[in-house]
Amino acid sequence: GPIEWLNWFYHASFVVTSYFHGTVVATKFKKDFVSIPTAGRVLKVRTLLEPLGLVERCLNRAVSEDAISVLDRPIDWTDAHAKLNAKIESSKRFLATALS
């Protein structure tokens, strides 16, 4: 179920996912990760990761040696989460304005 699924992410030391939601959860739990999305999900995953400065974590199916080097580089979660929190606050302001 969903709790068990989230628990796997929470306790992971590294996440490899092909799903958008797997990428979201890895980011939320501050887990080092790579996302190898299917062709139909590439744009969605890249749109999530680009503003956070994590687009290099989105690998394509033809993984090169240069792309694999990302596995050895830990993510600077301070910077990425600062950018994520700014996006969240912007969304909250938008919703508050739209709903008032």
C-alpha atoms as a PDB file:
ATOM      1  CA  GLY A   1       0.000   0.000   0.000  1.00  0.00           C
ATOM      2  CA  PRO A   2       0.954   3.684  -0.028  1.00  0.00           C
ATOM      3  CA  ILE A   3       2.423   3.718   3.491  1.00  0.00           C
ATOM      4  CA  GLU A   4       4.713   0.806   2.693  1.00  0.00           C
ATOM      5  CA  TRP A   5       5.711   2.448  -0.614  1.00  0.00           C
ATOM      6  CA  LEU A   6       6.607   5.723   1.129  1.00  0.00           C
ATOM      7  CA  ASN A   7       8.451   3.791   3.827  1.00  0.00           C
ATOM      8  CA  TRP A   8      10.747   2.243   1.203  1.00  0.00           C
ATOM      9  CA  PHE A   9      11.689   5.733   0.026  1.00  0.00           C
ATOM     10  CA  TYR A  10      12.085   7.091   3.528  1.00  0.00           C
ATOM     11  CA  HIS A  11      14.595   4.387   4.486  1.00  0.00           C
ATOM     12  CA  ALA A  12      16.451   4.244   1.146  1.00  0.00           C
ATOM     13  CA  SER A  13      20.062   5.313   0.915  1.00  0.00           C
ATOM     14  CA  PHE A  14      19.687   5.965  -2.843  1.00  0.00           C
ATOM     15  CA  VAL A  15      16.643   5.961  -5.141  1.00  0.00           C
ATOM     16  CA  VAL A  16      16.468   4.902  -8.789  1.00  0.00           C
ATOM     17  CA  THR A  17      13.037   5.561 -10.256  1.00  0.00           C
ATOM     18  CA  SER A  18      11.294   5.739 -13.593  1.00  0.00           C
ATOM     19  CA  TYR A  19       8.204   7.451 -12.184  1.00  0.00           C
ATOM     20  CA  PHE A  20       7.388  11.133 -11.706  1.00  0.00           C
ATOM     21  CA  HIS A  21       5.961  10.437  -8.252  1.00  0.00           C
ATOM     22  CA  GLY A  22       9.076   8.483  -7.288  1.00  0.00           C
ATOM     23  CA  THR A  23      11.117  11.552  -8.198  1.00  0.00           C
ATOM     24  CA  VAL A  24       8.807  13.791  -6.151  1.00  0.00           C
ATOM     25  CA  VAL A  25       9.043  11.555  -3.074  1.00  0.00           C
ATOM     26  CA  ALA A  26      12.839  11.175  -3.342  1.00  0.00           C
ATOM     27  CA  THR A  27      13.086  14.965  -3.517  1.00  0.00           C
ATOM     28  CA  LYS A  28      10.719  15.489  -0.596  1.00  0.00           C
ATOM     29  CA  PHE A  29      12.630  12.983   1.576  1.00  0.00           C
ATOM     30  CA  LYS A  30      16.003  14.469   0.487  1.00  0.00           C
ATOM     31  CA  LYS A  31      17.296  11.205  -0.932  1.00  0.00           C
ATOM     32  CA  ASP A  32      20.077  11.055  -3.476  1.00  0.00           C
ATOM     33  CA  PHE A  33      18.439   9.723  -6.642  1.00  0.00           C
ATOM     34  CA  VAL A  34      18.371   9.348 -10.373  1.00  0.00           C
ATOM     35  CA  SER A  35      15.235   9.342 -12.430  1.00  0.00           C
ATOM     36  CA  ILE A  36      15.163   7.400 -15.692  1.00  0.00           C
ATOM     37  CA  PRO A  37      11.681   8.257 -16.938  1.00  0.00           C
ATOM     38  CA  THR A  38       9.910   6.664 -19.855  1.00  0.00           C
ATOM     39  CA  ALA A  39       9.607   8.787 -22.986  1.00  0.00           C
ATOM     40  CA  GLY A  40       6.160  10.041 -21.989  1.00  0.00           C
ATOM     41  CA  ARG A  41       7.362  11.236 -18.582  1.00  0.00           C
ATOM     42  CA  VAL A  42      10.653  12.953 -19.472  1.00  0.00           C
ATOM     43  CA  LEU A  43       9.215  16.465 -19.836  1.00  0.00           C
ATOM     44  CA  LYS A  44       7.225  16.160 -16.606  1.00  0.00           C
ATOM     45  CA  VAL A  45      10.276  15.009 -14.606  1.00  0.00           C
ATOM     46  CA  ARG A  46      12.585  17.611 -16.158  1.00  0.00           C
ATOM     47  CA  THR A  47      10.026  20.359 -15.443  1.00  0.00           C
ATOM     48  CA  LEU A  48      10.077  19.328 -11.783  1.00  0.00           C
ATOM     49  CA  LEU A  49      13.866  19.083 -11.481  1.00  0.00           C
ATOM     50  CA  GLU A  50      15.071  22.031 -13.567  1.00  0.00           C
ATOM     51  CA  PRO A  51      13.959  24.841 -11.190  1.00  0.00           C
ATOM     52  CA  LEU A  52      15.558  22.931  -8.292  1.00  0.00           C
ATOM     53  CA  GLY A  53      18.929  22.719 -10.063  1.00  0.00           C
ATOM     54  CA  LEU A  54      18.640  18.925 -10.225  1.00  0.00           C
ATOM     55  CA  VAL A  55      18.011  18.358 -13.935  1.00  0.00           C
ATOM     56  CA  GLU A  56      21.227  16.307 -14.246  1.00  0.00           C
ATOM     57  CA  ARG A  57      19.464  13.684 -12.092  1.00  0.00           C
ATOM     58  CA  CYS A  58      17.075  12.995 -14.989  1.00  0.00           C
ATOM     59  CA  LEU A  59      18.814  10.449 -17.190  1.00  0.00           C
ATOM     60  CA  ASN A  60      17.631   9.194 -20.543  1.00  0.00           C
ATOM     61  CA  ARG A  61      17.442   5.548 -21.521  1.00  0.00           C
ATOM     62  CA  ALA A  62      20.787   5.717 -23.382  1.00  0.00           C
ATOM     63  CA  VAL A  63      22.824   6.330 -20.228  1.00  0.00           C
ATOM     64  CA  SER A  64      26.389   7.463 -20.917  1.00  0.00           C
ATOM     65  CA  GLU A  65      29.437   7.215 -18.666  1.00  0.00           C
ATOM     66  CA  ASP A  66      29.194  10.969 -18.016  1.00  0.00           C
ATOM     67  CA  ALA A  67      25.604  10.541 -16.864  1.00  0.00           C
ATOM     68  CA  ILE A  68      26.600   7.707 -14.548  1.00  0.00           C
ATOM     69  CA  SER A  69      29.087  10.027 -12.802  1.00  0.00           C
ATOM     70  CA  VAL A  70      26.085  11.796 -11.242  1.00  0.00           C
ATOM     71  CA  LEU A  71      25.673   8.734  -9.014  1.00  0.00           C
ATOM     72  CA  ASP A  72      28.844   9.670  -7.128  1.00  0.00           C
ATOM     73  CA  ARG A  73      27.846  13.285  -6.481  1.00  0.00           C
ATOM     74  CA  PRO A  74      25.656  13.919  -3.438  1.00  0.00           C
ATOM     75  CA  ILE A  75      22.851  16.421  -3.828  1.00  0.00           C
ATOM     76  CA  ASP A  76      23.087  19.836  -2.137  1.00  0.00           C
ATOM     77  CA  TRP A  77      19.697  19.648  -0.469  1.00  0.00           C
ATOM     78  CA  THR A  78      20.104  23.052   1.190  1.00  0.00           C
ATOM     79  CA  ASP A  79      20.049  24.774  -2.191  1.00  0.00           C
ATOM     80  CA  ALA A  80      17.473  22.473  -3.792  1.00  0.00           C
ATOM     81  CA  HIS A  81      15.027  22.713  -0.885  1.00  0.00           C
ATOM     82  CA  ALA A  82      15.417  26.494  -0.675  1.00  0.00           C
ATOM     83  CA  LYS A  83      14.328  26.648  -4.324  1.00  0.00           C
ATOM     84  CA  LEU A  84      11.534  24.132  -3.681  1.00  0.00           C
ATOM     85  CA  ASN A  85      10.261  26.081  -0.668  1.00  0.00           C
ATOM     86  CA  ALA A  86      10.208  29.297  -2.729  1.00  0.00           C
ATOM     87  CA  LYS A  87       8.073  27.507  -5.354  1.00  0.00           C
ATOM     88  CA  ILE A  88       5.738  26.167  -2.639  1.00  0.00           C
ATOM     89  CA  GLU A  89       5.296  29.629  -1.123  1.00  0.00           C
ATOM     90  CA  SER A  90       4.575  31.091  -4.565  1.00  0.00           C
ATOM     91  CA  SER A  91       1.927  28.417  -5.127  1.00  0.00           C
ATOM     92  CA  LYS A  92       0.351  29.113  -1.731  1.00  0.00           C
ATOM     93  CA  ARG A  93       0.143  32.840  -2.524  1.00  0.00           C
ATOM     94  CA  PHE A  94      -1.425  32.073  -5.900  1.00  0.00           C
ATOM     95  CA  LEU A  95      -4.025  29.788  -4.319  1.00  0.00           C
ATOM     96  CA  ALA A  96      -4.799  32.265  -1.533  1.00  0.00           C
ATOM     97  CA  THR A  97      -5.346  35.016  -4.096  1.00  0.00           C
ATOM     98  CA  ALA A  98      -7.411  32.811  -6.388  1.00  0.00           C
ATOM     99  CA  LEU A  99      -9.627  31.589  -3.568  1.00  0.00           C
ATOM    100  CA  SER A 100     -10.233  34.966  -1.912  1.00  0.00           C
END
